[in-house]
Amino acid sequence: NEQEILRGKILMSVGLKKPRLFNGAN
């Protein structure tokens, strides 16, 4: 999304960071 740059190995091993979901406090 035109922001951080990561290696494919990191993205496939760890995954894409999930959007921050509302938890009642954040």
mmCIF file of all heavy atoms, coordinates in Angstrom:
data_MODEL
# 
_entry.id   MODEL 
# 
loop_
_atom_site.group_PDB 
_atom_site.id 
_atom_site.type_symbol 
_atom_site.label_atom_id 
_atom_site.label_alt_id 
_atom_site.label_comp_id 
_atom_site.label_asym_id 
_atom_site.label_entity_id 
_atom_site.label_seq_id 
_atom_site.pdbx_PDB_ins_code 
_atom_site.Cartn_x 
_atom_site.Cartn_y 
_atom_site.Cartn_z 
_atom_site.occupancy 
_atom_site.B_iso_or_equiv 
_atom_site.pdbx_formal_charge 
_atom_site.auth_seq_id 
_atom_site.auth_comp_id 
_atom_site.auth_asym_id 
_atom_site.auth_atom_id 
_atom_site.pdbx_PDB_model_num 
ATOM 1   N N   . ASN A 1 1  ? 0.819   -1.221  0.000  1.00 0.00 ? 1  ASN A N   1 
ATOM 2   C CA  . ASN A 1 1  ? 0.000   0.000   0.000  1.00 0.00 ? 1  ASN A CA  1 
ATOM 3   C C   . ASN A 1 1  ? 0.851   1.269   0.000  1.00 0.00 ? 1  ASN A C   1 
ATOM 4   O O   . ASN A 1 1  ? 0.585   2.223   0.735  1.00 0.00 ? 1  ASN A O   1 
ATOM 5   C CB  . ASN A 1 1  ? -0.963  -0.005  1.191  1.00 0.00 ? 1  ASN A CB  1 
ATOM 6   C CG  . ASN A 1 1  ? -2.028  -1.070  1.055  1.00 0.00 ? 1  ASN A CG  1 
ATOM 7   O OD1 . ASN A 1 1  ? -2.224  -1.630  -0.015 1.00 0.00 ? 1  ASN A OD1 1 
ATOM 8   N ND2 . ASN A 1 1  ? -2.715  -1.376  2.137  1.00 0.00 ? 1  ASN A ND2 1 
ATOM 9   N N   . GLU A 1 2  ? 1.918   1.233   -0.825 1.00 0.00 ? 2  GLU A N   1 
ATOM 10  C CA  . GLU A 1 2  ? 2.809   2.385   -0.986 1.00 0.00 ? 2  GLU A CA  1 
ATOM 11  C C   . GLU A 1 2  ? 3.474   2.802   0.322  1.00 0.00 ? 2  GLU A C   1 
ATOM 12  O O   . GLU A 1 2  ? 3.909   3.946   0.489  1.00 0.00 ? 2  GLU A O   1 
ATOM 13  C CB  . GLU A 1 2  ? 2.042   3.588   -1.571 1.00 0.00 ? 2  GLU A CB  1 
ATOM 14  C CG  . GLU A 1 2  ? 1.418   3.334   -2.935 1.00 0.00 ? 2  GLU A CG  1 
ATOM 15  C CD  . GLU A 1 2  ? 2.456   3.096   -4.017 1.00 0.00 ? 2  GLU A CD  1 
ATOM 16  O OE1 . GLU A 1 2  ? 3.576   3.640   -3.893 1.00 0.00 ? 2  GLU A OE1 1 
ATOM 17  O OE2 . GLU A 1 2  ? 2.156   2.378   -4.980 1.00 0.00 ? 2  GLU A OE2 1 
ATOM 18  N N   . GLN A 1 3  ? 3.612   1.834   1.245  1.00 0.00 ? 3  GLN A N   1 
ATOM 19  C CA  . GLN A 1 3  ? 4.242   2.156   2.535  1.00 0.00 ? 3  GLN A CA  1 
ATOM 20  C C   . GLN A 1 3  ? 5.435   1.244   2.763  1.00 0.00 ? 3  GLN A C   1 
ATOM 21  O O   . GLN A 1 3  ? 6.402   1.326   2.018  1.00 0.00 ? 3  GLN A O   1 
ATOM 22  C CB  . GLN A 1 3  ? 3.193   2.063   3.656  1.00 0.00 ? 3  GLN A CB  1 
ATOM 23  C CG  . GLN A 1 3  ? 2.079   3.093   3.512  1.00 0.00 ? 3  GLN A CG  1 
ATOM 24  C CD  . GLN A 1 3  ? 0.983   2.940   4.546  1.00 0.00 ? 3  GLN A CD  1 
ATOM 25  O OE1 . GLN A 1 3  ? 1.126   2.216   5.530  1.00 0.00 ? 3  GLN A OE1 1 
ATOM 26  N NE2 . GLN A 1 3  ? -0.139  3.619   4.324  1.00 0.00 ? 3  GLN A NE2 1 
ATOM 27  N N   . GLU A 1 4  ? 5.403   0.377   3.788  1.00 0.00 ? 4  GLU A N   1 
ATOM 28  C CA  . GLU A 1 4  ? 6.591   -0.391  4.138  1.00 0.00 ? 4  GLU A CA  1 
ATOM 29  C C   . GLU A 1 4  ? 6.946   -1.389  3.048  1.00 0.00 ? 4  GLU A C   1 
ATOM 30  O O   . GLU A 1 4  ? 6.087   -1.832  2.293  1.00 0.00 ? 4  GLU A O   1 
ATOM 31  C CB  . GLU A 1 4  ? 6.408   -1.117  5.480  1.00 0.00 ? 4  GLU A CB  1 
ATOM 32  C CG  . GLU A 1 4  ? 5.355   -2.221  5.453  1.00 0.00 ? 4  GLU A CG  1 
ATOM 33  C CD  . GLU A 1 4  ? 4.050   -1.777  6.032  1.00 0.00 ? 4  GLU A CD  1 
ATOM 34  O OE1 . GLU A 1 4  ? 3.464   -0.829  5.490  1.00 0.00 ? 4  GLU A OE1 1 
ATOM 35  O OE2 . GLU A 1 4  ? 3.606   -2.391  7.014  1.00 0.00 ? 4  GLU A OE2 1 
ATOM 36  N N   . ILE A 1 5  ? 8.232   -1.727  2.987  1.00 0.00 ? 5  ILE A N   1 
ATOM 37  C CA  . ILE A 1 5  ? 8.757   -2.699  2.035  1.00 0.00 ? 5  ILE A CA  1 
ATOM 38  C C   . ILE A 1 5  ? 9.297   -3.885  2.819  1.00 0.00 ? 5  ILE A C   1 
ATOM 39  O O   . ILE A 1 5  ? 10.119  -3.725  3.731  1.00 0.00 ? 5  ILE A O   1 
ATOM 40  C CB  . ILE A 1 5  ? 9.863   -2.082  1.161  1.00 0.00 ? 5  ILE A CB  1 
ATOM 41  C CG1 . ILE A 1 5  ? 9.298   -0.922  0.331  1.00 0.00 ? 5  ILE A CG1 1 
ATOM 42  C CG2 . ILE A 1 5  ? 10.464  -3.142  0.244  1.00 0.00 ? 5  ILE A CG2 1 
ATOM 43  C CD1 . ILE A 1 5  ? 10.343  -0.204  -0.504 1.00 0.00 ? 5  ILE A CD1 1 
ATOM 44  N N   . LEU A 1 6  ? 8.821   -5.092  2.454  1.00 0.00 ? 6  LEU A N   1 
ATOM 45  C CA  . LEU A 1 6  ? 9.231   -6.310  3.143  1.00 0.00 ? 6  LEU A CA  1 
ATOM 46  C C   . LEU A 1 6  ? 9.602   -7.381  2.129  1.00 0.00 ? 6  LEU A C   1 
ATOM 47  O O   . LEU A 1 6  ? 9.086   -7.407  1.013  1.00 0.00 ? 6  LEU A O   1 
ATOM 48  C CB  . LEU A 1 6  ? 8.095   -6.839  4.029  1.00 0.00 ? 6  LEU A CB  1 
ATOM 49  C CG  . LEU A 1 6  ? 7.667   -5.952  5.201  1.00 0.00 ? 6  LEU A CG  1 
ATOM 50  C CD1 . LEU A 1 6  ? 6.379   -6.473  5.813  1.00 0.00 ? 6  LEU A CD1 1 
ATOM 51  C CD2 . LEU A 1 6  ? 8.768   -5.888  6.245  1.00 0.00 ? 6  LEU A CD2 1 
ATOM 52  N N   . ARG A 1 7  ? 10.492  -8.258  2.555  1.00 0.00 ? 7  ARG A N   1 
ATOM 53  C CA  . ARG A 1 7  ? 10.871  -9.366  1.683  1.00 0.00 ? 7  ARG A CA  1 
ATOM 54  C C   . ARG A 1 7  ? 9.726   -10.375 1.557  1.00 0.00 ? 7  ARG A C   1 
ATOM 55  O O   . ARG A 1 7  ? 8.942   -10.577 2.487  1.00 0.00 ? 7  ARG A O   1 
ATOM 56  C CB  . ARG A 1 7  ? 12.105  -10.074 2.234  1.00 0.00 ? 7  ARG A CB  1 
ATOM 57  C CG  . ARG A 1 7  ? 13.411  -9.309  2.035  1.00 0.00 ? 7  ARG A CG  1 
ATOM 58  C CD  . ARG A 1 7  ? 14.562  -10.090 2.602  1.00 0.00 ? 7  ARG A CD  1 
ATOM 59  N NE  . ARG A 1 7  ? 14.427  -10.252 4.046  1.00 0.00 ? 7  ARG A NE  1 
ATOM 60  C CZ  . ARG A 1 7  ? 14.938  -11.285 4.728  1.00 0.00 ? 7  ARG A CZ  1 
ATOM 61  N NH1 . ARG A 1 7  ? 15.572  -12.251 4.089  1.00 0.00 ? 7  ARG A NH1 1 
ATOM 62  N NH2 . ARG A 1 7  ? 14.802  -11.353 6.037  1.00 0.00 ? 7  ARG A NH2 1 
ATOM 63  N N   . GLY A 1 8  ? 9.691   -11.037 0.406  1.00 0.00 ? 8  GLY A N   1 
ATOM 64  C CA  . GLY A 1 8  ? 8.690   -12.064 0.206  1.00 0.00 ? 8  GLY A CA  1 
ATOM 65  C C   . GLY A 1 8  ? 8.793   -13.175 1.230  1.00 0.00 ? 8  GLY A C   1 
ATOM 66  O O   . GLY A 1 8  ? 7.773   -13.732 1.666  1.00 0.00 ? 8  GLY A O   1 
ATOM 67  N N   . LYS A 1 9  ? 10.019  -13.526 1.637  1.00 0.00 ? 9  LYS A N   1 
ATOM 68  C CA  . LYS A 1 9  ? 10.197  -14.581 2.626  1.00 0.00 ? 9  LYS A CA  1 
ATOM 69  C C   . LYS A 1 9  ? 9.515   -14.221 3.937  1.00 0.00 ? 9  LYS A C   1 
ATOM 70  O O   . LYS A 1 9  ? 8.879   -15.069 4.586  1.00 0.00 ? 9  LYS A O   1 
ATOM 71  C CB  . LYS A 1 9  ? 11.683  -14.837 2.857  1.00 0.00 ? 9  LYS A CB  1 
ATOM 72  C CG  . LYS A 1 9  ? 11.965  -15.936 3.865  1.00 0.00 ? 9  LYS A CG  1 
ATOM 73  C CD  . LYS A 1 9  ? 13.454  -16.193 4.006  1.00 0.00 ? 9  LYS A CD  1 
ATOM 74  C CE  . LYS A 1 9  ? 14.009  -16.877 2.772  1.00 0.00 ? 9  LYS A CE  1 
ATOM 75  N NZ  . LYS A 1 9  ? 15.421  -17.308 2.964  1.00 0.00 ? 9  LYS A NZ  1 
ATOM 76  N N   . ILE A 1 10 ? 9.621   -12.965 4.362  1.00 0.00 ? 10 ILE A N   1 
ATOM 77  C CA  . ILE A 1 10 ? 8.970   -12.516 5.595  1.00 0.00 ? 10 ILE A CA  1 
ATOM 78  C C   . ILE A 1 10 ? 7.455   -12.576 5.439  1.00 0.00 ? 10 ILE A C   1 
ATOM 79  O O   . ILE A 1 10 ? 6.731   -13.075 6.310  1.00 0.00 ? 10 ILE A O   1 
ATOM 80  C CB  . ILE A 1 10 ? 9.412   -11.087 5.957  1.00 0.00 ? 10 ILE A CB  1 
ATOM 81  C CG1 . ILE A 1 10 ? 10.913  -11.052 6.275  1.00 0.00 ? 10 ILE A CG1 1 
ATOM 82  C CG2 . ILE A 1 10 ? 8.600   -10.530 7.114  1.00 0.00 ? 10 ILE A CG2 1 
ATOM 83  C CD1 . ILE A 1 10 ? 11.297  -11.813 7.507  1.00 0.00 ? 10 ILE A CD1 1 
ATOM 84  N N   . LEU A 1 11 ? 6.971   -12.064 4.323  1.00 0.00 ? 11 LEU A N   1 
ATOM 85  C CA  . LEU A 1 11 ? 5.518   -12.018 4.120  1.00 0.00 ? 11 LEU A CA  1 
ATOM 86  C C   . LEU A 1 11 ? 4.910   -13.412 4.064  1.00 0.00 ? 11 LEU A C   1 
ATOM 87  O O   . LEU A 1 11 ? 3.804   -13.636 4.562  1.00 0.00 ? 11 LEU A O   1 
ATOM 88  C CB  . LEU A 1 11 ? 5.198   -11.248 2.841  1.00 0.00 ? 11 LEU A CB  1 
ATOM 89  C CG  . LEU A 1 11 ? 5.443   -9.735  2.904  1.00 0.00 ? 11 LEU A CG  1 
ATOM 90  C CD1 . LEU A 1 11 ? 5.319   -9.112  1.524  1.00 0.00 ? 11 LEU A CD1 1 
ATOM 91  C CD2 . LEU A 1 11 ? 4.466   -9.077  3.866  1.00 0.00 ? 11 LEU A CD2 1 
ATOM 92  N N   . MET A 1 12 ? 5.635   -14.360 3.455  1.00 0.00 ? 12 MET A N   1 
ATOM 93  C CA  . MET A 1 12 ? 5.087   -15.711 3.357  1.00 0.00 ? 12 MET A CA  1 
ATOM 94  C C   . MET A 1 12 ? 5.278   -16.507 4.647  1.00 0.00 ? 12 MET A C   1 
ATOM 95  O O   . MET A 1 12 ? 4.461   -17.357 4.985  1.00 0.00 ? 12 MET A O   1 
ATOM 96  C CB  . MET A 1 12 ? 5.711   -16.446 2.175  1.00 0.00 ? 12 MET A CB  1 
ATOM 97  C CG  . MET A 1 12 ? 5.240   -15.916 0.820  1.00 0.00 ? 12 MET A CG  1 
ATOM 98  S SD  . MET A 1 12 ? 5.785   -16.922 -0.570 1.00 0.00 ? 12 MET A SD  1 
ATOM 99  C CE  . MET A 1 12 ? 7.548   -16.588 -0.561 1.00 0.00 ? 12 MET A CE  1 
ATOM 100 N N   . SER A 1 13 ? 6.339   -16.242 5.365  1.00 0.00 ? 13 SER A N   1 
ATOM 101 C CA  . SER A 1 13 ? 6.590   -16.979 6.607  1.00 0.00 ? 13 SER A CA  1 
ATOM 102 C C   . SER A 1 13 ? 5.766   -16.441 7.762  1.00 0.00 ? 13 SER A C   1 
ATOM 103 O O   . SER A 1 13 ? 5.276   -17.207 8.606  1.00 0.00 ? 13 SER A O   1 
ATOM 104 C CB  . SER A 1 13 ? 8.082   -16.911 6.964  1.00 0.00 ? 13 SER A CB  1 
ATOM 105 O OG  . SER A 1 13 ? 8.872   -17.478 5.953  1.00 0.00 ? 13 SER A OG  1 
ATOM 106 N N   . VAL A 1 14 ? 5.631   -15.117 7.826  1.00 0.00 ? 14 VAL A N   1 
ATOM 107 C CA  . VAL A 1 14 ? 4.916   -14.487 8.937  1.00 0.00 ? 14 VAL A CA  1 
ATOM 108 C C   . VAL A 1 14 ? 3.493   -14.123 8.539  1.00 0.00 ? 14 VAL A C   1 
ATOM 109 O O   . VAL A 1 14 ? 2.540   -14.349 9.280  1.00 0.00 ? 14 VAL A O   1 
ATOM 110 C CB  . VAL A 1 14 ? 5.671   -13.230 9.427  1.00 0.00 ? 14 VAL A CB  1 
ATOM 111 C CG1 . VAL A 1 14 ? 4.907   -12.544 10.552 1.00 0.00 ? 14 VAL A CG1 1 
ATOM 112 C CG2 . VAL A 1 14 ? 7.078   -13.604 9.878  1.00 0.00 ? 14 VAL A CG2 1 
ATOM 113 N N   . GLY A 1 15 ? 3.337   -13.557 7.344  1.00 0.00 ? 15 GLY A N   1 
ATOM 114 C CA  . GLY A 1 15 ? 2.026   -13.160 6.858  1.00 0.00 ? 15 GLY A CA  1 
ATOM 115 C C   . GLY A 1 15 ? 1.864   -11.653 6.798  1.00 0.00 ? 15 GLY A C   1 
ATOM 116 O O   . GLY A 1 15 ? 2.745   -10.888 7.193  1.00 0.00 ? 15 GLY A O   1 
ATOM 117 N N   . LEU A 1 16 ? 0.726   -11.236 6.260  1.00 0.00 ? 16 LEU A N   1 
ATOM 118 C CA  . LEU A 1 16 ? 0.371   -9.818  6.247  1.00 0.00 ? 16 LEU A CA  1 
ATOM 119 C C   . LEU A 1 16 ? -0.213  -9.426  7.595  1.00 0.00 ? 16 LEU A C   1 
ATOM 120 O O   . LEU A 1 16 ? -1.025  -10.164 8.172  1.00 0.00 ? 16 LEU A O   1 
ATOM 121 C CB  . LEU A 1 16 ? -0.671  -9.548  5.158  1.00 0.00 ? 16 LEU A CB  1 
ATOM 122 C CG  . LEU A 1 16 ? -0.183  -9.362  3.727  1.00 0.00 ? 16 LEU A CG  1 
ATOM 123 C CD1 . LEU A 1 16 ? -1.387  -9.288  2.792  1.00 0.00 ? 16 LEU A CD1 1 
ATOM 124 C CD2 . LEU A 1 16 ? 0.666   -8.108  3.585  1.00 0.00 ? 16 LEU A CD2 1 
ATOM 125 N N   . LYS A 1 17 ? 0.176   -8.274  8.068  1.00 0.00 ? 17 LYS A N   1 
ATOM 126 C CA  . LYS A 1 17 ? -0.359  -7.815  9.347  1.00 0.00 ? 17 LYS A CA  1 
ATOM 127 C C   . LYS A 1 17 ? -1.839  -7.499  9.196  1.00 0.00 ? 17 LYS A C   1 
ATOM 128 O O   . LYS A 1 17 ? -2.246  -6.725  8.339  1.00 0.00 ? 17 LYS A O   1 
ATOM 129 C CB  . LYS A 1 17 ? 0.400   -6.583  9.831  1.00 0.00 ? 17 LYS A CB  1 
ATOM 130 C CG  . LYS A 1 17 ? 0.072   -6.178  11.261 1.00 0.00 ? 17 LYS A CG  1 
ATOM 131 C CD  . LYS A 1 17 ? 0.973   -5.033  11.738 1.00 0.00 ? 17 LYS A CD  1 
ATOM 132 C CE  . LYS A 1 17 ? 2.390   -5.536  11.946 1.00 0.00 ? 17 LYS A CE  1 
ATOM 133 N NZ  . LYS A 1 17 ? 3.259   -4.474  12.546 1.00 0.00 ? 17 LYS A NZ  1 
ATOM 134 N N   . LYS A 1 18 ? -2.633  -8.123  10.061 1.00 0.00 ? 18 LYS A N   1 
ATOM 135 C CA  . LYS A 1 18 ? -4.074  -7.912  10.009 1.00 0.00 ? 18 LYS A CA  1 
ATOM 136 C C   . LYS A 1 18 ? -4.414  -6.480  10.433 1.00 0.00 ? 18 LYS A C   1 
ATOM 137 O O   . LYS A 1 18 ? -3.771  -5.914  11.312 1.00 0.00 ? 18 LYS A O   1 
ATOM 138 C CB  . LYS A 1 18 ? -4.786  -8.899  10.931 1.00 0.00 ? 18 LYS A CB  1 
ATOM 139 C CG  . LYS A 1 18 ? -6.311  -8.799  10.891 1.00 0.00 ? 18 LYS A CG  1 
ATOM 140 C CD  . LYS A 1 18 ? -6.986  -9.628  11.968 1.00 0.00 ? 18 LYS A CD  1 
ATOM 141 C CE  . LYS A 1 18 ? -6.953  -11.090 11.675 1.00 0.00 ? 18 LYS A CE  1 
ATOM 142 N NZ  . LYS A 1 18 ? -7.807  -11.856 12.631 1.00 0.00 ? 18 LYS A NZ  1 
ATOM 143 N N   . PRO A 1 19 ? -5.427  -5.877  9.817  1.00 0.00 ? 19 PRO A N   1 
ATOM 144 C CA  . PRO A 1 19 ? -5.850  -4.548  10.266 1.00 0.00 ? 19 PRO A CA  1 
ATOM 145 C C   . PRO A 1 19 ? -6.211  -4.572  11.755 1.00 0.00 ? 19 PRO A C   1 
ATOM 146 O O   . PRO A 1 19 ? -6.705  -5.577  12.276 1.00 0.00 ? 19 PRO A O   1 
ATOM 147 C CB  . PRO A 1 19 ? -7.080  -4.251  9.404  1.00 0.00 ? 19 PRO A CB  1 
ATOM 148 C CG  . PRO A 1 19 ? -6.980  -5.176  8.250  1.00 0.00 ? 19 PRO A CG  1 
ATOM 149 C CD  . PRO A 1 19 ? -6.263  -6.391  8.718  1.00 0.00 ? 19 PRO A CD  1 
ATOM 150 N N   . ARG A 1 20 ? -5.986  -3.457  12.432 1.00 0.00 ? 20 ARG A N   1 
ATOM 151 C CA  . ARG A 1 20 ? -6.326  -3.372  13.859 1.00 0.00 ? 20 ARG A CA  1 
ATOM 152 C C   . ARG A 1 20 ? -7.841  -3.312  14.018 1.00 0.00 ? 20 ARG A C   1 
ATOM 153 O O   . ARG A 1 20 ? -8.501  -2.404  13.513 1.00 0.00 ? 20 ARG A O   1 
ATOM 154 C CB  . ARG A 1 20 ? -5.671  -2.142  14.488 1.00 0.00 ? 20 ARG A CB  1 
ATOM 155 C CG  . ARG A 1 20 ? -4.167  -2.248  14.607 1.00 0.00 ? 20 ARG A CG  1 
ATOM 156 C CD  . ARG A 1 20 ? -3.582  -1.069  15.365 1.00 0.00 ? 20 ARG A CD  1 
ATOM 157 N NE  . ARG A 1 20 ? -3.829  0.197   14.672 1.00 0.00 ? 20 ARG A NE  1 
ATOM 158 C CZ  . ARG A 1 20 ? -3.079  0.680   13.681 1.00 0.00 ? 20 ARG A CZ  1 
ATOM 159 N NH1 . ARG A 1 20 ? -2.030  -0.013  13.258 1.00 0.00 ? 20 ARG A NH1 1 
ATOM 160 N NH2 . ARG A 1 20 ? -3.352  1.833   13.104 1.00 0.00 ? 20 ARG A NH2 1 
ATOM 161 N N   . LEU A 1 21 ? -8.386  -4.293  14.723 1.00 0.00 ? 21 LEU A N   1 
ATOM 162 C CA  . LEU A 1 21 ? -9.820  -4.380  14.916 1.00 0.00 ? 21 LEU A CA  1 
ATOM 163 C C   . LEU A 1 21 ? -10.225 -3.699  16.216 1.00 0.00 ? 21 LEU A C   1 
ATOM 164 O O   . LEU A 1 21 ? -9.481  -3.722  17.206 1.00 0.00 ? 21 LEU A O   1 
ATOM 165 C CB  . LEU A 1 21 ? -10.257 -5.853  14.944 1.00 0.00 ? 21 LEU A CB  1 
ATOM 166 C CG  . LEU A 1 21 ? -9.846  -6.708  13.742 1.00 0.00 ? 21 LEU A CG  1 
ATOM 167 C CD1 . LEU A 1 21 ? -10.282 -8.143  13.947 1.00 0.00 ? 21 LEU A CD1 1 
ATOM 168 C CD2 . LEU A 1 21 ? -10.414 -6.144  12.453 1.00 0.00 ? 21 LEU A CD2 1 
ATOM 169 N N   . PHE A 1 22 ? -11.392 -3.104  16.228 1.00 0.00 ? 22 PHE A N   1 
ATOM 170 C CA  . PHE A 1 22 ? -11.884 -2.431  17.430 1.00 0.00 ? 22 PHE A CA  1 
ATOM 171 C C   . PHE A 1 22 ? -12.100 -3.454  18.541 1.00 0.00 ? 22 PHE A C   1 
ATOM 172 O O   . PHE A 1 22 ? -12.752 -4.481  18.340 1.00 0.00 ? 22 PHE A O   1 
ATOM 173 C CB  . PHE A 1 22 ? -13.194 -1.700  17.134 1.00 0.00 ? 22 PHE A CB  1 
ATOM 174 C CG  . PHE A 1 22 ? -13.762 -0.965  18.315 1.00 0.00 ? 22 PHE A CG  1 
ATOM 175 C CD1 . PHE A 1 22 ? -13.083 0.120   18.853 1.00 0.00 ? 22 PHE A CD1 1 
ATOM 176 C CD2 . PHE A 1 22 ? -14.951 -1.366  18.892 1.00 0.00 ? 22 PHE A CD2 1 
ATOM 177 C CE1 . PHE A 1 22 ? -13.596 0.810   19.944 1.00 0.00 ? 22 PHE A CE1 1 
ATOM 178 C CE2 . PHE A 1 22 ? -15.477 -0.690  19.978 1.00 0.00 ? 22 PHE A CE2 1 
ATOM 179 C CZ  . PHE A 1 22 ? -14.797 0.398   20.510 1.00 0.00 ? 22 PHE A CZ  1 
ATOM 180 N N   . ASN A 1 23 ? -11.535 -3.195  19.731 1.00 0.00 ? 23 ASN A N   1 
ATOM 181 C CA  . ASN A 1 23 ? -11.650 -4.137  20.846 1.00 0.00 ? 23 ASN A CA  1 
ATOM 182 C C   . ASN A 1 23 ? -12.360 -3.554  22.058 1.00 0.00 ? 23 ASN A C   1 
ATOM 183 O O   . ASN A 1 23 ? -12.284 -4.099  23.161 1.00 0.00 ? 23 ASN A O   1 
ATOM 184 C CB  . ASN A 1 23 ? -10.272 -4.671  21.239 1.00 0.00 ? 23 ASN A CB  1 
ATOM 185 C CG  . ASN A 1 23 ? -9.363  -3.588  21.796 1.00 0.00 ? 23 ASN A CG  1 
ATOM 186 O OD1 . ASN A 1 23 ? -9.778  -2.443  22.010 1.00 0.00 ? 23 ASN A OD1 1 
ATOM 187 N ND2 . ASN A 1 23 ? -8.111  -3.945  22.042 1.00 0.00 ? 23 ASN A ND2 1 
ATOM 188 N N   . GLY A 1 24 ? -13.038 -2.433  21.860 1.00 0.00 ? 24 GLY A N   1 
ATOM 189 C CA  . GLY A 1 24 ? -13.767 -1.821  22.955 1.00 0.00 ? 24 GLY A CA  1 
ATOM 190 C C   . GLY A 1 24 ? -12.982 -0.767  23.697 1.00 0.00 ? 24 GLY A C   1 
ATOM 191 O O   . GLY A 1 24 ? -13.563 0.038   24.432 1.00 0.00 ? 24 GLY A O   1 
ATOM 192 N N   . ALA A 1 25 ? -11.641 -0.760  23.493 1.00 0.00 ? 25 ALA A N   1 
ATOM 193 C CA  . ALA A 1 25 ? -10.818 0.196   24.236 1.00 0.00 ? 25 ALA A CA  1 
ATOM 194 C C   . ALA A 1 25 ? -9.911  1.036   23.342 1.00 0.00 ? 25 ALA A C   1 
ATOM 195 O O   . ALA A 1 25 ? -9.502  2.132   23.724 1.00 0.00 ? 25 ALA A O   1 
ATOM 196 C CB  . ALA A 1 25 ? -9.969  -0.545  25.269 1.00 0.00 ? 25 ALA A CB  1 
ATOM 197 N N   . ASN A 1 26 ? -9.599  0.519   22.144 1.00 0.00 ? 26 ASN A N   1 
ATOM 198 C CA  . ASN A 1 26 ? -8.617  1.203   21.285 1.00 0.00 ? 26 ASN A CA  1 
ATOM 199 C C   . ASN A 1 26 ? -9.285  2.224   20.362 1.00 0.00 ? 26 ASN A C   1 
ATOM 200 O O   . ASN A 1 26 ? -9.102  2.199   19.148 1.00 0.00 ? 26 ASN A O   1 
ATOM 201 C CB  . ASN A 1 26 ? -7.802  0.179   20.484 1.00 0.00 ? 26 ASN A CB  1 
ATOM 202 C CG  . ASN A 1 26 ? -8.673  -0.715  19.611 1.00 0.00 ? 26 ASN A CG  1 
ATOM 203 O OD1 . ASN A 1 26 ? -9.886  -0.756  19.761 1.00 0.00 ? 26 ASN A OD1 1 
ATOM 204 N ND2 . ASN A 1 26 ? -8.039  -1.433  18.685 1.00 0.00 ? 26 ASN A ND2 1 
# 
